[in-house]
N, C-alpha and C. Protein backbone atom coordinates (compact mmCIF):
# COMPACT_ATOMS: atom_id res chain seq x y z
N MET A 1 -213.47 46.92 -146.47
CA MET A 1 -214.87 46.83 -146.87
C MET A 1 -215.76 47.07 -145.65
N THR A 2 -216.72 47.95 -145.77
CA THR A 2 -217.63 48.24 -144.67
C THR A 2 -218.69 47.16 -144.55
N ALA A 3 -219.41 47.16 -143.42
CA ALA A 3 -220.47 46.17 -143.22
C ALA A 3 -221.52 46.22 -144.34
N PRO A 4 -221.99 47.42 -144.75
CA PRO A 4 -222.95 47.45 -145.87
C PRO A 4 -222.36 46.87 -147.15
N ASP A 5 -221.06 47.14 -147.41
CA ASP A 5 -220.42 46.56 -148.60
C ASP A 5 -220.39 45.04 -148.50
N GLN A 6 -220.09 44.54 -147.32
CA GLN A 6 -220.02 43.10 -147.12
C GLN A 6 -221.40 42.46 -147.29
N GLU A 7 -222.41 43.14 -146.80
CA GLU A 7 -223.77 42.61 -146.98
C GLU A 7 -224.15 42.56 -148.45
N ARG A 8 -223.81 43.59 -149.18
CA ARG A 8 -224.10 43.59 -150.62
C ARG A 8 -223.34 42.45 -151.31
N ALA A 9 -222.11 42.20 -150.87
CA ALA A 9 -221.33 41.10 -151.46
C ALA A 9 -221.99 39.75 -151.17
N LEU A 10 -222.55 39.59 -149.97
CA LEU A 10 -223.26 38.35 -149.64
C LEU A 10 -224.48 38.17 -150.54
N ARG A 11 -225.21 39.25 -150.76
CA ARG A 11 -226.39 39.17 -151.62
C ARG A 11 -226.01 38.80 -153.05
N ARG A 12 -224.90 39.36 -153.53
CA ARG A 12 -224.44 39.00 -154.88
C ARG A 12 -224.03 37.53 -154.93
N ALA A 13 -223.40 37.06 -153.87
CA ALA A 13 -222.96 35.66 -153.82
C ALA A 13 -224.15 34.71 -153.90
N LEU A 14 -225.25 35.09 -153.29
CA LEU A 14 -226.44 34.25 -153.32
C LEU A 14 -226.99 34.10 -154.74
N ALA A 15 -226.72 35.08 -155.58
CA ALA A 15 -227.23 35.04 -156.95
C ALA A 15 -226.39 34.16 -157.86
N CYS A 16 -225.19 33.78 -157.41
CA CYS A 16 -224.32 32.92 -158.21
C CYS A 16 -224.89 31.50 -158.26
N LYS A 17 -224.76 30.88 -159.40
CA LYS A 17 -225.26 29.52 -159.57
C LYS A 17 -224.18 28.50 -159.22
N SER A 18 -224.53 27.53 -158.41
CA SER A 18 -223.64 26.41 -158.12
C SER A 18 -224.49 25.26 -157.60
N GLY A 19 -223.95 24.06 -157.72
CA GLY A 19 -224.70 22.89 -157.31
C GLY A 19 -224.52 22.55 -155.85
N PRO A 20 -225.19 21.51 -155.40
CA PRO A 20 -225.05 21.08 -154.00
C PRO A 20 -223.66 20.54 -153.72
N SER A 21 -223.31 20.47 -152.45
CA SER A 21 -222.02 19.91 -152.05
C SER A 21 -222.25 18.73 -151.11
N THR A 22 -221.17 17.98 -150.85
CA THR A 22 -221.26 16.86 -149.92
C THR A 22 -219.96 16.78 -149.13
N ASP A 23 -219.99 16.01 -148.06
CA ASP A 23 -218.78 15.74 -147.29
C ASP A 23 -217.80 14.89 -148.07
N PHE A 24 -218.21 14.41 -149.24
CA PHE A 24 -217.38 13.52 -150.04
C PHE A 24 -216.82 14.21 -151.28
N ASP A 25 -216.94 15.51 -151.39
CA ASP A 25 -216.49 16.22 -152.58
C ASP A 25 -215.02 15.97 -152.90
N LEU A 26 -214.20 15.84 -151.88
CA LEU A 26 -212.76 15.63 -152.08
C LEU A 26 -212.40 14.15 -152.13
N ASN A 27 -213.43 13.31 -152.07
CA ASN A 27 -213.21 11.86 -152.03
C ASN A 27 -214.07 11.17 -153.07
N PRO A 28 -213.77 11.35 -154.35
CA PRO A 28 -214.62 10.81 -155.41
C PRO A 28 -214.68 9.28 -155.44
N GLN A 29 -213.75 8.63 -154.74
CA GLN A 29 -213.76 7.16 -154.74
C GLN A 29 -214.91 6.60 -153.89
N VAL A 30 -215.51 7.43 -153.05
CA VAL A 30 -216.62 6.99 -152.21
C VAL A 30 -217.89 6.90 -153.06
N GLU A 31 -218.52 5.75 -153.05
CA GLU A 31 -219.76 5.58 -153.80
C GLU A 31 -220.95 5.70 -152.85
N LEU A 32 -221.76 6.72 -153.06
CA LEU A 32 -222.93 6.92 -152.23
C LEU A 32 -224.07 6.05 -152.75
N PRO A 33 -224.74 5.32 -151.88
CA PRO A 33 -225.80 4.41 -152.32
C PRO A 33 -226.98 5.13 -152.96
N GLU A 34 -227.49 4.57 -154.03
CA GLU A 34 -228.69 5.11 -154.67
C GLU A 34 -229.89 4.92 -153.74
N GLY A 35 -230.81 5.86 -153.76
CA GLY A 35 -232.02 5.76 -152.98
C GLY A 35 -231.83 5.98 -151.49
N ARG A 36 -230.67 6.49 -151.09
CA ARG A 36 -230.43 6.74 -149.66
C ARG A 36 -231.39 7.82 -149.17
N LYS A 37 -231.82 7.68 -147.93
CA LYS A 37 -232.75 8.64 -147.34
C LYS A 37 -231.98 9.61 -146.46
N LEU A 38 -232.14 10.89 -146.74
CA LEU A 38 -231.46 11.93 -145.98
C LEU A 38 -232.47 12.72 -145.16
N ARG A 39 -232.06 13.11 -143.96
CA ARG A 39 -232.91 13.90 -143.09
C ARG A 39 -232.67 15.39 -143.33
N ALA A 40 -233.74 16.14 -143.50
CA ALA A 40 -233.63 17.58 -143.77
C ALA A 40 -233.17 18.32 -142.52
N ALA A 41 -232.29 19.29 -142.72
CA ALA A 41 -231.79 20.11 -141.62
C ALA A 41 -231.50 21.51 -142.14
N GLY A 42 -231.44 22.45 -141.22
CA GLY A 42 -231.10 23.83 -141.57
C GLY A 42 -230.08 24.37 -140.60
N VAL A 43 -229.09 25.09 -141.12
CA VAL A 43 -228.11 25.76 -140.26
C VAL A 43 -228.11 27.24 -140.60
N LEU A 44 -227.81 28.06 -139.59
CA LEU A 44 -227.87 29.51 -139.77
C LEU A 44 -226.46 30.11 -139.79
N ALA A 45 -226.09 30.64 -140.96
CA ALA A 45 -224.84 31.39 -141.09
C ALA A 45 -225.20 32.86 -140.90
N ALA A 46 -225.21 33.28 -139.63
CA ALA A 46 -225.68 34.62 -139.28
C ALA A 46 -224.48 35.54 -139.03
N PHE A 47 -224.49 36.68 -139.70
CA PHE A 47 -223.43 37.67 -139.53
C PHE A 47 -223.94 38.82 -138.67
N GLN A 48 -223.12 39.23 -137.70
CA GLN A 48 -223.47 40.38 -136.89
C GLN A 48 -222.49 41.51 -137.15
N LYS A 49 -222.94 42.75 -136.93
CA LYS A 49 -222.10 43.91 -137.17
C LYS A 49 -221.16 44.13 -136.00
N SER A 50 -219.95 44.58 -136.31
CA SER A 50 -218.97 44.93 -135.29
C SER A 50 -218.20 46.16 -135.77
N ASP A 51 -217.28 46.63 -134.95
CA ASP A 51 -216.44 47.77 -135.35
C ASP A 51 -215.54 47.43 -136.52
N HIS A 52 -215.39 46.14 -136.82
CA HIS A 52 -214.49 45.69 -137.89
C HIS A 52 -215.27 45.15 -139.09
N GLY A 53 -216.55 45.43 -139.16
CA GLY A 53 -217.38 44.90 -140.23
C GLY A 53 -218.20 43.72 -139.75
N LEU A 54 -218.63 42.87 -140.66
CA LEU A 54 -219.45 41.72 -140.30
C LEU A 54 -218.61 40.59 -139.73
N GLU A 55 -219.21 39.86 -138.79
CA GLU A 55 -218.56 38.69 -138.19
C GLU A 55 -219.58 37.55 -138.14
N LEU A 56 -219.13 36.35 -138.45
CA LEU A 56 -220.00 35.17 -138.49
C LEU A 56 -220.09 34.52 -137.12
N VAL A 57 -221.31 34.24 -136.68
CA VAL A 57 -221.54 33.58 -135.39
C VAL A 57 -221.39 32.08 -135.55
N LEU A 58 -220.49 31.49 -134.77
CA LEU A 58 -220.27 30.04 -134.78
C LEU A 58 -220.31 29.50 -133.36
N THR A 59 -220.47 28.20 -133.25
CA THR A 59 -220.51 27.57 -131.93
C THR A 59 -219.45 26.49 -131.82
N LYS A 60 -219.05 26.24 -130.60
CA LYS A 60 -218.25 25.06 -130.30
C LYS A 60 -219.16 24.10 -129.56
N ARG A 61 -219.42 22.96 -130.18
CA ARG A 61 -220.34 21.99 -129.60
C ARG A 61 -219.80 21.43 -128.29
N SER A 62 -220.71 21.05 -127.42
CA SER A 62 -220.31 20.50 -126.13
C SER A 62 -219.46 19.24 -126.31
N SER A 63 -218.45 19.11 -125.49
CA SER A 63 -217.59 17.91 -125.54
C SER A 63 -218.31 16.69 -125.00
N ARG A 64 -219.48 16.88 -124.41
CA ARG A 64 -220.24 15.76 -123.83
C ARG A 64 -221.26 15.18 -124.81
N LEU A 65 -221.40 15.78 -125.98
CA LEU A 65 -222.37 15.29 -126.95
C LEU A 65 -221.92 13.98 -127.58
N LYS A 66 -222.88 13.15 -127.96
CA LYS A 66 -222.58 11.86 -128.59
C LYS A 66 -222.06 12.04 -130.01
N HIS A 67 -222.66 12.99 -130.74
CA HIS A 67 -222.28 13.22 -132.13
C HIS A 67 -221.52 14.53 -132.27
N HIS A 68 -220.39 14.47 -132.94
CA HIS A 68 -219.55 15.64 -133.23
C HIS A 68 -219.19 16.46 -131.98
N PRO A 69 -218.76 15.82 -130.91
CA PRO A 69 -218.42 16.58 -129.69
C PRO A 69 -217.24 17.51 -129.93
N GLY A 70 -217.36 18.72 -129.42
CA GLY A 70 -216.27 19.69 -129.49
C GLY A 70 -216.03 20.31 -130.84
N GLN A 71 -216.82 19.97 -131.84
CA GLN A 71 -216.59 20.51 -133.18
C GLN A 71 -217.18 21.91 -133.33
N ILE A 72 -216.61 22.65 -134.27
CA ILE A 72 -217.10 23.98 -134.59
C ILE A 72 -218.27 23.83 -135.58
N ALA A 73 -219.36 24.52 -135.31
CA ALA A 73 -220.56 24.35 -136.13
C ALA A 73 -221.37 25.64 -136.21
N PHE A 74 -222.22 25.71 -137.22
CA PHE A 74 -223.23 26.75 -137.26
C PHE A 74 -224.33 26.39 -136.26
N PRO A 75 -225.03 27.37 -135.72
CA PRO A 75 -226.27 27.02 -135.00
C PRO A 75 -227.23 26.36 -135.99
N GLY A 76 -227.91 25.33 -135.56
CA GLY A 76 -228.86 24.67 -136.47
C GLY A 76 -229.08 23.23 -136.10
N GLY A 77 -229.92 22.57 -136.88
CA GLY A 77 -230.22 21.18 -136.60
C GLY A 77 -231.29 20.65 -137.53
N LYS A 78 -231.78 19.46 -137.22
CA LYS A 78 -232.73 18.79 -138.11
C LYS A 78 -234.07 19.52 -138.13
N GLN A 79 -234.75 19.36 -139.24
CA GLN A 79 -236.06 19.96 -139.43
C GLN A 79 -237.11 19.10 -138.74
N ASP A 80 -237.82 19.69 -137.78
CA ASP A 80 -238.87 18.98 -137.05
C ASP A 80 -240.20 19.12 -137.77
N GLU A 81 -241.19 18.34 -137.32
CA GLU A 81 -242.52 18.37 -137.95
C GLU A 81 -243.14 19.76 -137.89
N GLY A 82 -242.84 20.51 -136.85
CA GLY A 82 -243.42 21.84 -136.70
C GLY A 82 -242.75 22.91 -137.54
N ASP A 83 -241.62 22.58 -138.15
CA ASP A 83 -240.90 23.54 -138.99
C ASP A 83 -241.45 23.49 -140.41
N ARG A 84 -241.81 24.64 -140.96
CA ARG A 84 -242.37 24.64 -142.32
C ARG A 84 -241.32 24.38 -143.39
N ASP A 85 -240.04 24.67 -143.06
CA ASP A 85 -238.95 24.45 -144.02
C ASP A 85 -237.62 24.53 -143.27
N PRO A 86 -236.50 24.26 -143.97
CA PRO A 86 -235.20 24.32 -143.29
C PRO A 86 -234.84 25.70 -142.75
N VAL A 87 -235.37 26.76 -143.35
CA VAL A 87 -235.11 28.10 -142.84
C VAL A 87 -235.71 28.24 -141.44
N ALA A 88 -236.94 27.79 -141.28
CA ALA A 88 -237.59 27.84 -139.97
C ALA A 88 -236.83 26.98 -138.96
N ALA A 89 -236.33 25.83 -139.41
CA ALA A 89 -235.56 24.96 -138.52
C ALA A 89 -234.28 25.65 -138.06
N ALA A 90 -233.59 26.31 -138.99
CA ALA A 90 -232.34 27.00 -138.65
C ALA A 90 -232.59 28.12 -137.65
N LEU A 91 -233.64 28.89 -137.85
CA LEU A 91 -233.95 30.00 -136.94
C LEU A 91 -234.36 29.47 -135.56
N ARG A 92 -235.17 28.42 -135.54
CA ARG A 92 -235.60 27.84 -134.26
C ARG A 92 -234.40 27.29 -133.49
N GLU A 93 -233.56 26.53 -134.18
CA GLU A 93 -232.40 25.94 -133.53
C GLU A 93 -231.43 27.01 -133.03
N ALA A 94 -231.27 28.08 -133.79
CA ALA A 94 -230.38 29.17 -133.37
C ALA A 94 -230.89 29.82 -132.09
N GLN A 95 -232.20 29.95 -131.98
CA GLN A 95 -232.75 30.51 -130.75
C GLN A 95 -232.51 29.57 -129.58
N GLU A 96 -232.68 28.27 -129.81
CA GLU A 96 -232.49 27.30 -128.74
C GLU A 96 -231.01 27.18 -128.34
N GLU A 97 -230.12 27.18 -129.33
CA GLU A 97 -228.71 26.91 -129.06
C GLU A 97 -227.93 28.12 -128.56
N VAL A 98 -228.24 29.31 -129.10
CA VAL A 98 -227.44 30.48 -128.75
C VAL A 98 -228.27 31.68 -128.30
N GLY A 99 -229.60 31.52 -128.20
CA GLY A 99 -230.45 32.60 -127.72
C GLY A 99 -230.68 33.71 -128.73
N LEU A 100 -230.58 33.39 -130.02
CA LEU A 100 -230.77 34.40 -131.07
C LEU A 100 -232.24 34.44 -131.47
N ALA A 101 -232.90 35.56 -131.19
CA ALA A 101 -234.32 35.70 -131.50
C ALA A 101 -234.53 35.74 -133.01
N PRO A 102 -235.43 34.92 -133.55
CA PRO A 102 -235.65 34.88 -135.00
C PRO A 102 -236.02 36.22 -135.61
N ASP A 103 -236.78 37.04 -134.87
CA ASP A 103 -237.22 38.31 -135.45
C ASP A 103 -236.12 39.36 -135.51
N THR A 104 -234.91 39.03 -135.04
CA THR A 104 -233.79 39.96 -135.16
C THR A 104 -232.88 39.59 -136.34
N VAL A 105 -233.26 38.54 -137.07
CA VAL A 105 -232.43 38.07 -138.19
C VAL A 105 -233.11 38.41 -139.51
N ASP A 106 -232.38 39.10 -140.37
CA ASP A 106 -232.84 39.38 -141.72
C ASP A 106 -232.29 38.27 -142.62
N VAL A 107 -233.14 37.36 -143.02
CA VAL A 107 -232.71 36.24 -143.86
C VAL A 107 -232.47 36.74 -145.27
N LEU A 108 -231.24 36.54 -145.77
CA LEU A 108 -230.88 36.98 -147.11
C LEU A 108 -231.23 35.94 -148.16
N GLY A 109 -231.16 34.67 -147.77
CA GLY A 109 -231.43 33.59 -148.71
C GLY A 109 -230.73 32.32 -148.27
N THR A 110 -230.72 31.34 -149.15
CA THR A 110 -230.11 30.05 -148.81
C THR A 110 -229.05 29.68 -149.84
N LEU A 111 -228.05 28.95 -149.37
CA LEU A 111 -227.02 28.38 -150.23
C LEU A 111 -227.46 26.99 -150.68
N PRO A 112 -226.79 26.41 -151.66
CA PRO A 112 -227.14 25.04 -152.08
C PRO A 112 -227.00 24.06 -150.92
N THR A 113 -227.78 23.00 -150.97
CA THR A 113 -227.76 22.01 -149.89
C THR A 113 -226.42 21.31 -149.79
N HIS A 114 -226.17 20.75 -148.62
CA HIS A 114 -224.93 20.02 -148.36
C HIS A 114 -225.29 18.69 -147.69
N GLU A 115 -224.80 17.59 -148.28
CA GLU A 115 -225.04 16.26 -147.71
C GLU A 115 -223.89 15.90 -146.78
N THR A 116 -224.23 15.45 -145.56
CA THR A 116 -223.21 15.10 -144.57
C THR A 116 -223.00 13.59 -144.50
N VAL A 117 -221.87 13.21 -143.92
CA VAL A 117 -221.59 11.78 -143.75
C VAL A 117 -222.57 11.13 -142.78
N THR A 118 -223.26 11.94 -141.98
CA THR A 118 -224.19 11.41 -140.99
C THR A 118 -225.62 11.32 -141.53
N GLY A 119 -225.80 11.55 -142.84
CA GLY A 119 -227.11 11.33 -143.45
C GLY A 119 -228.07 12.50 -143.39
N PHE A 120 -227.54 13.72 -143.29
CA PHE A 120 -228.40 14.90 -143.30
C PHE A 120 -228.25 15.65 -144.61
N LEU A 121 -229.34 16.25 -145.08
CA LEU A 121 -229.30 17.16 -146.20
C LEU A 121 -229.50 18.56 -145.61
N VAL A 122 -228.41 19.29 -145.50
CA VAL A 122 -228.38 20.55 -144.77
C VAL A 122 -228.58 21.73 -145.72
N THR A 123 -229.50 22.61 -145.36
CA THR A 123 -229.69 23.86 -146.09
C THR A 123 -229.04 24.99 -145.30
N PRO A 124 -227.97 25.61 -145.81
CA PRO A 124 -227.36 26.75 -145.11
C PRO A 124 -228.16 28.02 -145.38
N VAL A 125 -228.52 28.72 -144.32
CA VAL A 125 -229.32 29.94 -144.40
C VAL A 125 -228.44 31.13 -144.06
N LEU A 126 -228.34 32.08 -144.98
CA LEU A 126 -227.54 33.28 -144.73
C LEU A 126 -228.42 34.37 -144.14
N GLY A 127 -227.91 35.04 -143.10
CA GLY A 127 -228.69 36.09 -142.48
C GLY A 127 -227.82 37.16 -141.85
N ILE A 128 -228.44 38.32 -141.61
CA ILE A 128 -227.79 39.44 -140.93
C ILE A 128 -228.54 39.70 -139.63
N ILE A 129 -227.81 39.77 -138.52
CA ILE A 129 -228.42 40.08 -137.23
C ILE A 129 -228.56 41.60 -137.12
N ARG A 130 -229.78 42.06 -136.98
CA ARG A 130 -230.05 43.50 -137.01
C ARG A 130 -229.88 44.18 -135.66
N ASP A 131 -230.09 43.46 -134.58
CA ASP A 131 -230.02 44.05 -133.24
C ASP A 131 -228.77 43.59 -132.52
N THR A 132 -228.49 44.22 -131.38
CA THR A 132 -227.40 43.77 -130.53
C THR A 132 -227.69 42.36 -130.06
N PHE A 133 -226.69 41.50 -130.16
CA PHE A 133 -226.88 40.09 -129.82
C PHE A 133 -225.92 39.68 -128.72
N ALA A 134 -226.48 39.24 -127.60
CA ALA A 134 -225.69 38.71 -126.49
C ALA A 134 -225.97 37.22 -126.41
N PRO A 135 -225.06 36.38 -126.89
CA PRO A 135 -225.34 34.93 -126.97
C PRO A 135 -225.54 34.28 -125.62
N ILE A 136 -226.45 33.31 -125.61
CA ILE A 136 -226.71 32.49 -124.41
C ILE A 136 -226.55 31.03 -124.84
N PRO A 137 -225.37 30.43 -124.60
CA PRO A 137 -225.16 29.04 -125.02
C PRO A 137 -226.10 28.09 -124.30
N GLU A 138 -226.68 27.16 -125.06
CA GLU A 138 -227.57 26.16 -124.46
C GLU A 138 -226.76 25.16 -123.65
N PRO A 139 -227.03 25.03 -122.35
CA PRO A 139 -226.26 24.10 -121.51
C PRO A 139 -226.36 22.67 -122.04
N GLY A 140 -225.23 21.99 -122.08
CA GLY A 140 -225.22 20.61 -122.55
C GLY A 140 -225.12 20.46 -124.04
N GLU A 141 -225.37 21.52 -124.79
CA GLU A 141 -225.31 21.47 -126.25
C GLU A 141 -224.14 22.30 -126.80
N VAL A 142 -223.94 23.47 -126.21
CA VAL A 142 -222.96 24.42 -126.73
C VAL A 142 -222.00 24.83 -125.62
N ASP A 143 -220.70 24.61 -125.86
CA ASP A 143 -219.69 25.02 -124.89
C ASP A 143 -219.33 26.49 -125.03
N GLU A 144 -219.40 27.00 -126.27
CA GLU A 144 -218.93 28.36 -126.52
C GLU A 144 -219.57 28.92 -127.78
N VAL A 145 -219.81 30.23 -127.77
CA VAL A 145 -220.25 30.95 -128.96
C VAL A 145 -219.18 31.99 -129.26
N PHE A 146 -218.73 32.04 -130.51
CA PHE A 146 -217.70 33.01 -130.89
C PHE A 146 -217.98 33.52 -132.29
N THR A 147 -217.20 34.48 -132.74
CA THR A 147 -217.39 35.01 -134.09
C THR A 147 -216.10 34.89 -134.91
N ALA A 148 -216.28 34.73 -136.21
CA ALA A 148 -215.18 34.67 -137.16
C ALA A 148 -215.29 35.87 -138.09
N PRO A 149 -214.17 36.56 -138.35
CA PRO A 149 -214.22 37.72 -139.24
C PRO A 149 -214.72 37.38 -140.64
N PHE A 150 -215.45 38.30 -141.23
CA PHE A 150 -215.95 38.16 -142.59
C PHE A 150 -214.80 37.81 -143.54
N SER A 151 -213.67 38.50 -143.38
CA SER A 151 -212.53 38.29 -144.28
C SER A 151 -211.97 36.87 -144.19
N HIS A 152 -212.15 36.22 -143.04
CA HIS A 152 -211.62 34.87 -142.87
C HIS A 152 -212.49 33.84 -143.57
N VAL A 153 -213.80 33.95 -143.40
CA VAL A 153 -214.69 32.91 -143.92
C VAL A 153 -215.09 33.10 -145.37
N THR A 154 -214.72 34.24 -145.97
CA THR A 154 -215.08 34.48 -147.38
C THR A 154 -213.86 34.54 -148.29
N ASP A 155 -212.71 34.16 -147.79
CA ASP A 155 -211.47 34.18 -148.58
C ASP A 155 -211.03 32.74 -148.85
N PRO A 156 -211.07 32.30 -150.12
CA PRO A 156 -210.68 30.92 -150.43
C PRO A 156 -209.26 30.58 -149.98
N ALA A 157 -208.39 31.57 -149.88
CA ALA A 157 -207.01 31.32 -149.48
C ALA A 157 -206.89 30.88 -148.03
N ARG A 158 -207.93 31.11 -147.24
CA ARG A 158 -207.91 30.70 -145.83
C ARG A 158 -208.19 29.21 -145.64
N PHE A 159 -208.64 28.57 -146.70
CA PHE A 159 -209.02 27.16 -146.61
C PHE A 159 -207.90 26.27 -147.13
N ARG A 160 -207.72 25.14 -146.48
CA ARG A 160 -206.74 24.16 -146.95
C ARG A 160 -207.35 22.77 -146.84
N ILE A 161 -206.71 21.83 -147.49
CA ILE A 161 -207.19 20.45 -147.49
C ILE A 161 -206.31 19.61 -146.56
N GLU A 162 -206.95 18.88 -145.67
CA GLU A 162 -206.25 17.97 -144.77
C GLU A 162 -206.93 16.60 -144.86
N GLY A 163 -206.39 15.62 -144.16
CA GLY A 163 -206.96 14.28 -144.24
C GLY A 163 -206.71 13.48 -142.98
N ARG A 164 -207.51 12.45 -142.82
CA ARG A 164 -207.35 11.52 -141.70
C ARG A 164 -208.00 10.19 -142.08
N ARG A 165 -207.70 9.16 -141.32
CA ARG A 165 -208.31 7.85 -141.55
C ARG A 165 -209.74 7.86 -141.03
N TRP A 166 -210.65 7.35 -141.84
CA TRP A 166 -212.06 7.29 -141.44
C TRP A 166 -212.67 6.04 -142.06
N ARG A 167 -213.15 5.14 -141.21
CA ARG A 167 -213.74 3.88 -141.66
C ARG A 167 -212.80 3.11 -142.58
N GLY A 168 -211.54 3.07 -142.19
CA GLY A 168 -210.56 2.28 -142.91
C GLY A 168 -209.98 2.91 -144.15
N GLN A 169 -210.41 4.14 -144.49
CA GLN A 169 -209.88 4.81 -145.67
C GLN A 169 -209.42 6.22 -145.31
N ARG A 170 -208.52 6.75 -146.12
CA ARG A 170 -208.09 8.12 -145.91
C ARG A 170 -209.14 9.06 -146.49
N ARG A 171 -209.64 9.96 -145.67
CA ARG A 171 -210.66 10.91 -146.11
C ARG A 171 -210.09 12.31 -146.08
N LEU A 172 -210.28 13.05 -147.19
CA LEU A 172 -209.83 14.43 -147.29
C LEU A 172 -210.99 15.37 -146.98
N TYR A 173 -210.68 16.54 -146.45
CA TYR A 173 -211.72 17.51 -146.10
C TYR A 173 -211.10 18.90 -146.03
N TYR A 174 -211.96 19.91 -146.10
CA TYR A 174 -211.51 21.30 -145.98
C TYR A 174 -211.38 21.70 -144.51
N THR A 175 -210.42 22.58 -144.25
CA THR A 175 -210.27 23.19 -142.94
C THR A 175 -210.06 24.69 -143.13
N ALA A 176 -210.39 25.44 -142.08
CA ALA A 176 -210.15 26.89 -142.07
C ALA A 176 -209.83 27.30 -140.63
N PRO A 177 -208.67 26.88 -140.11
CA PRO A 177 -208.33 27.15 -138.71
C PRO A 177 -208.36 28.64 -138.40
N LEU A 178 -208.84 28.96 -137.21
CA LEU A 178 -208.93 30.35 -136.76
C LEU A 178 -208.51 30.41 -135.29
N GLY A 179 -207.27 30.79 -135.05
CA GLY A 179 -206.78 30.84 -133.68
C GLY A 179 -206.93 29.47 -133.02
N PRO A 180 -207.61 29.42 -131.86
CA PRO A 180 -207.78 28.13 -131.17
C PRO A 180 -208.89 27.26 -131.76
N TYR A 181 -209.58 27.76 -132.79
CA TYR A 181 -210.75 27.06 -133.33
C TYR A 181 -210.37 26.33 -134.62
N TYR A 182 -210.64 25.03 -134.63
CA TYR A 182 -210.35 24.20 -135.80
C TYR A 182 -211.66 23.99 -136.57
N ILE A 183 -211.87 24.84 -137.57
CA ILE A 183 -213.08 24.76 -138.39
C ILE A 183 -212.82 23.75 -139.50
N TRP A 184 -213.63 22.69 -139.56
CA TRP A 184 -213.39 21.65 -140.55
C TRP A 184 -214.70 20.95 -140.89
N GLY A 185 -214.60 19.94 -141.75
CA GLY A 185 -215.77 19.12 -142.08
C GLY A 185 -216.85 19.90 -142.81
N ALA A 186 -218.10 19.60 -142.49
CA ALA A 186 -219.23 20.20 -143.19
C ALA A 186 -219.24 21.71 -143.04
N THR A 187 -218.89 22.21 -141.86
CA THR A 187 -218.89 23.66 -141.65
C THR A 187 -217.89 24.33 -142.59
N ALA A 188 -216.69 23.78 -142.66
CA ALA A 188 -215.67 24.36 -143.54
C ALA A 188 -216.06 24.22 -145.01
N ARG A 189 -216.68 23.09 -145.38
CA ARG A 189 -217.07 22.88 -146.78
C ARG A 189 -218.14 23.87 -147.20
N ILE A 190 -219.11 24.12 -146.33
CA ILE A 190 -220.16 25.09 -146.64
C ILE A 190 -219.56 26.49 -146.77
N LEU A 191 -218.66 26.84 -145.86
CA LEU A 191 -218.02 28.15 -145.92
C LEU A 191 -217.13 28.27 -147.16
N ARG A 192 -216.48 27.19 -147.53
CA ARG A 192 -215.66 27.19 -148.74
C ARG A 192 -216.54 27.48 -149.96
N GLY A 193 -217.73 26.88 -149.99
CA GLY A 193 -218.65 27.15 -151.08
C GLY A 193 -219.06 28.60 -151.13
N LEU A 194 -219.29 29.21 -149.96
CA LEU A 194 -219.62 30.63 -149.90
C LEU A 194 -218.44 31.46 -150.40
N ALA A 195 -217.24 31.12 -149.95
CA ALA A 195 -216.05 31.86 -150.36
C ALA A 195 -215.86 31.81 -151.88
N GLU A 196 -216.12 30.66 -152.48
CA GLU A 196 -215.99 30.53 -153.94
C GLU A 196 -216.98 31.46 -154.64
N ARG A 197 -218.20 31.54 -154.13
CA ARG A 197 -219.20 32.41 -154.72
C ARG A 197 -218.82 33.88 -154.56
N MET A 198 -218.21 34.21 -153.42
CA MET A 198 -217.84 35.60 -153.15
C MET A 198 -216.75 36.09 -154.09
N ASN A 199 -216.00 35.17 -154.66
CA ASN A 199 -214.85 35.56 -155.46
C ASN A 199 -215.01 35.25 -156.94
N ARG A 200 -216.25 35.17 -157.40
CA ARG A 200 -216.51 34.97 -158.83
C ARG A 200 -216.65 36.31 -159.53
């Protein structure tokens, strides 16, 4: 599939109907409290063109961070007062974290929101990077910027379910390992949702 074909497939996926997801999708025994307050956030699932088609830009968070150190994540973060919506937050954070200029991203649309165990309501923003992109990792925040092939992140067969003890209970979650990168948790769940849409 060529990059234009892949972009068209992403646009079709955005038109598919599906509900929001949570970090607890595989753990129905967890009861989420009614009236809980979630903080709005936006993450950018930005694809860049390569000789092999589209590739998704991901980050490896700094091992020195207090929250989620060393984890694989989309560029993004919480919505600040100056952000008009989660899309603006995702673009701003991507510029801060990896040096991606907002005006080089063609936003295709948004996926359903995802609730995290840390109390965020995350809006995933799909986009295509139109210009050549040379990442600049933000010191102290991002250890590495890398790309994942389109075929890896949009194929449901690449995802598997694993588990570990968390707060005294066994918690299940999606993973999509890629070489030395262990993609799991919210990032993997969001990508799994995209993969499901791509294959309808």
